[in-house]
Amino acid sequence: MKFYYTLRRYDAHKDIPDLYRVYSDYAEQYKLFSVLNTNSYEEFKSRFESKLAYNYKDFLIIEVQQHFAGFVASYDYKVIDSHIKGLIYIEPAFRSGFVGLAGIEFANILFQYYNIRKIYTEVYAYNKTSIEYHKKIGFTEECRLKEYKYFDGKFWDVIYFQISRELFYEKNQHIIKRFLDD
């Protein structure tokens, strides 16, 4: 099966405009676990480069036919505790279809390259689409921080999801086999 997206390394010259647009758009930034509050493009570029250097372990761009479709990232890698946090952002135009498989491919990469037992993610309770996606690929709710995030006139929970290496491969082996077949 041929996938309609690619994962590639971040390119500052090419990707900063799209990332600035995403992080500056109130309709989208509320889905991200952290918001880079900036007033200008140059300030954003500087802060984002710093975040890449000090916070993210991996940061890959998702493309569809050479168009920005989102990104995946890992952060907070704990060698001794044997886990890492991950995130995925998909542009609205690509949220239905195969682009969500990039999250499964990225989780597979993390399990293959890091000595980890689990991957954790943070999802705000108002992001119903993301919650459904996590459950579909085998993530389970680990804990919930009550009324953690203020958004749209209300306080919302943040949900920590987790998936173990064993459950990930049990639940997604048919999809991962497709990655290997291509």
Protein backbone atom coordinates (compact mmCIF):
# COMPACT_ATOMS: atom_id res chain seq x y z
CA MET A 1 0.00 0.00 0.00
CA LYS A 2 1.37 3.41 -0.94
CA PHE A 3 1.00 6.12 1.69
CA TYR A 4 0.05 9.62 0.67
CA TYR A 5 2.26 11.45 3.11
CA THR A 6 5.96 11.60 3.89
CA LEU A 7 7.83 12.30 7.10
CA ARG A 8 10.92 14.46 6.67
CA ARG A 9 13.35 16.44 8.75
CA TYR A 10 12.54 20.01 9.69
CA ASP A 11 13.90 22.68 7.32
CA ALA A 12 13.90 26.15 8.95
CA HIS A 13 13.75 28.05 5.67
CA LYS A 14 10.86 26.02 4.30
CA ASP A 15 8.86 25.21 7.46
CA ILE A 16 8.94 28.28 9.71
CA PRO A 17 6.19 30.10 7.75
CA ASP A 18 3.79 27.16 8.15
CA LEU A 19 4.69 26.62 11.80
CA TYR A 20 4.25 30.32 12.53
CA ARG A 21 0.82 30.21 10.90
CA VAL A 22 -0.22 27.19 13.02
CA TYR A 23 1.11 28.56 16.30
CA SER A 24 -0.38 32.00 15.60
CA ASP A 25 -3.86 30.75 14.68
CA TYR A 26 -6.08 30.71 17.77
CA ALA A 27 -8.37 28.15 16.11
CA GLU A 28 -5.43 25.71 15.92
CA GLN A 29 -3.05 26.62 18.72
CA TYR A 30 -5.49 25.52 21.41
CA LYS A 31 -4.87 21.92 20.28
CA LEU A 32 -1.13 22.13 20.96
CA PHE A 33 0.25 21.22 24.33
CA SER A 34 2.14 24.48 24.57
CA VAL A 35 1.74 27.74 22.78
CA LEU A 36 4.66 29.92 21.79
CA ASN A 37 3.26 33.36 22.48
CA THR A 38 5.03 35.77 20.17
CA ASN A 39 4.22 39.08 18.61
CA SER A 40 6.26 38.79 15.45
CA TYR A 41 7.49 36.30 12.91
CA GLU A 42 11.14 36.90 13.85
CA GLU A 43 10.41 36.44 17.56
CA PHE A 44 8.57 33.20 16.81
CA LYS A 45 11.44 31.93 14.67
CA SER A 46 13.93 32.58 17.46
CA ARG A 47 11.77 30.97 20.16
CA PHE A 48 10.93 27.97 18.00
CA GLU A 49 14.60 27.33 17.16
CA SER A 50 15.34 27.44 20.90
CA LYS A 51 12.51 24.97 21.56
CA LEU A 52 13.95 22.64 18.92
CA ALA A 53 17.39 22.82 20.49
CA TYR A 54 16.34 22.37 24.11
CA ASN A 55 12.95 20.69 24.27
CA TYR A 56 12.31 18.42 21.33
CA LYS A 57 14.18 15.17 20.91
CA ASP A 58 12.77 14.61 17.41
CA PHE A 59 10.75 16.92 15.20
CA LEU A 60 9.53 15.77 11.79
CA ILE A 61 7.34 17.47 9.23
CA ILE A 62 4.42 15.62 7.63
CA GLU A 63 4.01 16.43 3.93
CA VAL A 64 1.38 15.50 1.38
CA GLN A 65 2.52 16.06 -2.20
CA GLN A 66 5.17 18.49 -0.95
CA HIS A 67 2.60 20.53 1.04
CA PHE A 68 2.85 21.03 4.79
CA ALA A 69 0.31 18.71 6.45
CA GLY A 70 1.50 18.81 10.06
CA PHE A 71 4.27 17.60 12.31
CA VAL A 72 5.21 14.97 14.88
CA ALA A 73 7.59 15.47 17.77
CA SER A 74 9.03 13.75 20.79
CA TYR A 75 10.20 15.39 23.99
CA ASP A 76 10.84 14.71 27.66
CA TYR A 77 12.83 11.51 27.04
CA LYS A 78 13.53 9.75 30.33
CA VAL A 79 16.32 7.21 29.89
CA ILE A 80 16.13 5.71 33.39
CA ASP A 81 12.33 5.70 33.48
CA SER A 82 12.22 4.30 29.93
CA HIS A 83 9.54 6.54 28.40
CA ILE A 84 9.10 9.52 26.11
CA LYS A 85 6.33 11.98 25.31
CA GLY A 86 5.06 12.45 21.79
CA LEU A 87 2.73 14.73 19.90
CA ILE A 88 1.14 14.96 16.49
CA TYR A 89 -0.43 17.94 14.79
CA ILE A 90 -2.33 17.52 11.51
CA GLU A 91 -3.61 20.44 9.45
CA PRO A 92 -7.44 20.60 9.24
CA ALA A 93 -7.50 19.78 5.52
CA PHE A 94 -5.68 16.48 6.18
CA ARG A 95 -7.45 15.24 9.32
CA SER A 96 -9.48 12.62 7.52
CA GLY A 97 -7.78 9.89 5.55
CA PHE A 98 -4.34 8.36 5.77
CA VAL A 99 -2.31 11.23 7.20
CA GLY A 100 -3.10 10.08 10.76
CA LEU A 101 -0.97 7.02 10.02
CA ALA A 102 2.03 9.32 10.41
CA GLY A 103 1.41 9.12 14.17
CA ILE A 104 1.63 5.33 14.07
CA GLU A 105 4.74 5.47 11.91
CA PHE A 106 6.33 7.97 14.30
CA ALA A 107 5.48 5.83 17.36
CA ASN A 108 7.09 2.88 15.58
CA ILE A 109 10.21 4.98 14.98
CA LEU A 110 10.33 5.96 18.66
CA PHE A 111 10.00 2.34 19.82
CA GLN A 112 12.66 1.23 17.33
CA TYR A 113 15.27 3.89 18.12
CA TYR A 114 14.82 4.52 21.84
CA ASN A 115 15.02 2.10 24.72
CA ILE A 116 11.53 2.94 25.94
CA ARG A 117 8.66 0.94 27.39
CA LYS A 118 5.96 3.59 26.91
CA ILE A 119 4.99 6.64 24.95
CA TYR A 120 2.90 9.30 26.66
CA THR A 121 0.81 12.06 25.10
CA GLU A 122 -1.17 15.00 26.49
CA VAL A 123 -4.60 15.78 25.05
CA TYR A 124 -7.02 18.47 26.15
CA ALA A 125 -10.50 17.09 26.85
CA TYR A 126 -12.11 19.40 24.29
CA ASN A 127 -10.07 17.83 21.47
CA LYS A 128 -12.52 14.97 20.81
CA THR A 129 -10.95 14.03 17.46
CA SER A 130 -7.55 13.48 19.07
CA ILE A 131 -9.08 11.47 21.92
CA GLU A 132 -10.81 9.17 19.42
CA TYR A 133 -7.59 8.77 17.42
CA HIS A 134 -5.58 7.83 20.53
CA LYS A 135 -8.11 5.20 21.57
CA LYS A 136 -8.33 3.77 18.05
CA ILE A 137 -4.59 3.05 17.89
CA GLY A 138 -4.44 1.58 21.38
CA PHE A 139 -3.57 4.42 23.75
CA THR A 140 -5.30 4.31 27.11
CA GLU A 141 -5.94 7.06 29.62
CA GLU A 142 -3.29 7.01 32.32
CA CYS A 143 -4.46 10.00 34.35
CA ARG A 144 -6.31 13.27 34.13
CA LEU A 145 -5.51 16.71 35.48
CA LYS A 146 -8.85 18.26 36.31
CA GLU A 147 -9.71 21.72 34.98
CA TYR A 148 -6.11 22.27 33.89
CA LYS A 149 -6.59 24.40 30.75
CA TYR A 150 -8.76 27.47 30.34
CA PHE A 151 -10.22 27.70 26.85
CA ASP A 152 -13.30 29.27 25.31
CA GLY A 153 -14.72 30.45 28.63
CA LYS A 154 -14.32 27.14 30.47
CA PHE A 155 -11.74 25.07 32.35
CA TRP A 156 -10.92 21.71 30.72
CA ASP A 157 -9.10 18.56 31.81
CA VAL A 158 -5.81 17.51 30.29
CA ILE A 159 -5.70 13.76 29.67
CA TYR A 160 -2.44 11.83 29.73
CA PHE A 161 -2.60 8.85 27.39
CA GLN A 162 -0.02 6.08 27.27
CA ILE A 163 0.77 3.06 25.19
CA SER A 164 3.28 0.34 26.00
CA ARG A 165 5.59 -1.16 23.42
CA GLU A 166 3.78 -4.51 23.63
CA LEU A 167 0.28 -3.08 23.21
CA PHE A 168 1.38 -0.77 20.40
CA TYR A 169 2.70 -3.65 18.30
CA GLU A 170 -0.20 -5.93 19.18
CA LYS A 171 -2.76 -3.30 18.18
CA ASN A 172 -0.98 -1.90 15.11
CA GLN A 173 1.03 -4.78 13.62
CA HIS A 174 -1.14 -4.87 10.47
CA ILE A 175 -0.38 -1.20 9.78
CA ILE A 176 3.32 -1.45 10.61
CA LYS A 177 3.62 -4.39 8.23
CA ARG A 178 2.45 -2.01 5.49
CA PHE A 179 5.31 0.38 6.29
CA LEU A 180 7.76 -2.48 5.85
CA ASP A 181 6.13 -3.71 2.63
CA ASP A 182 6.51 -0.34 0.86
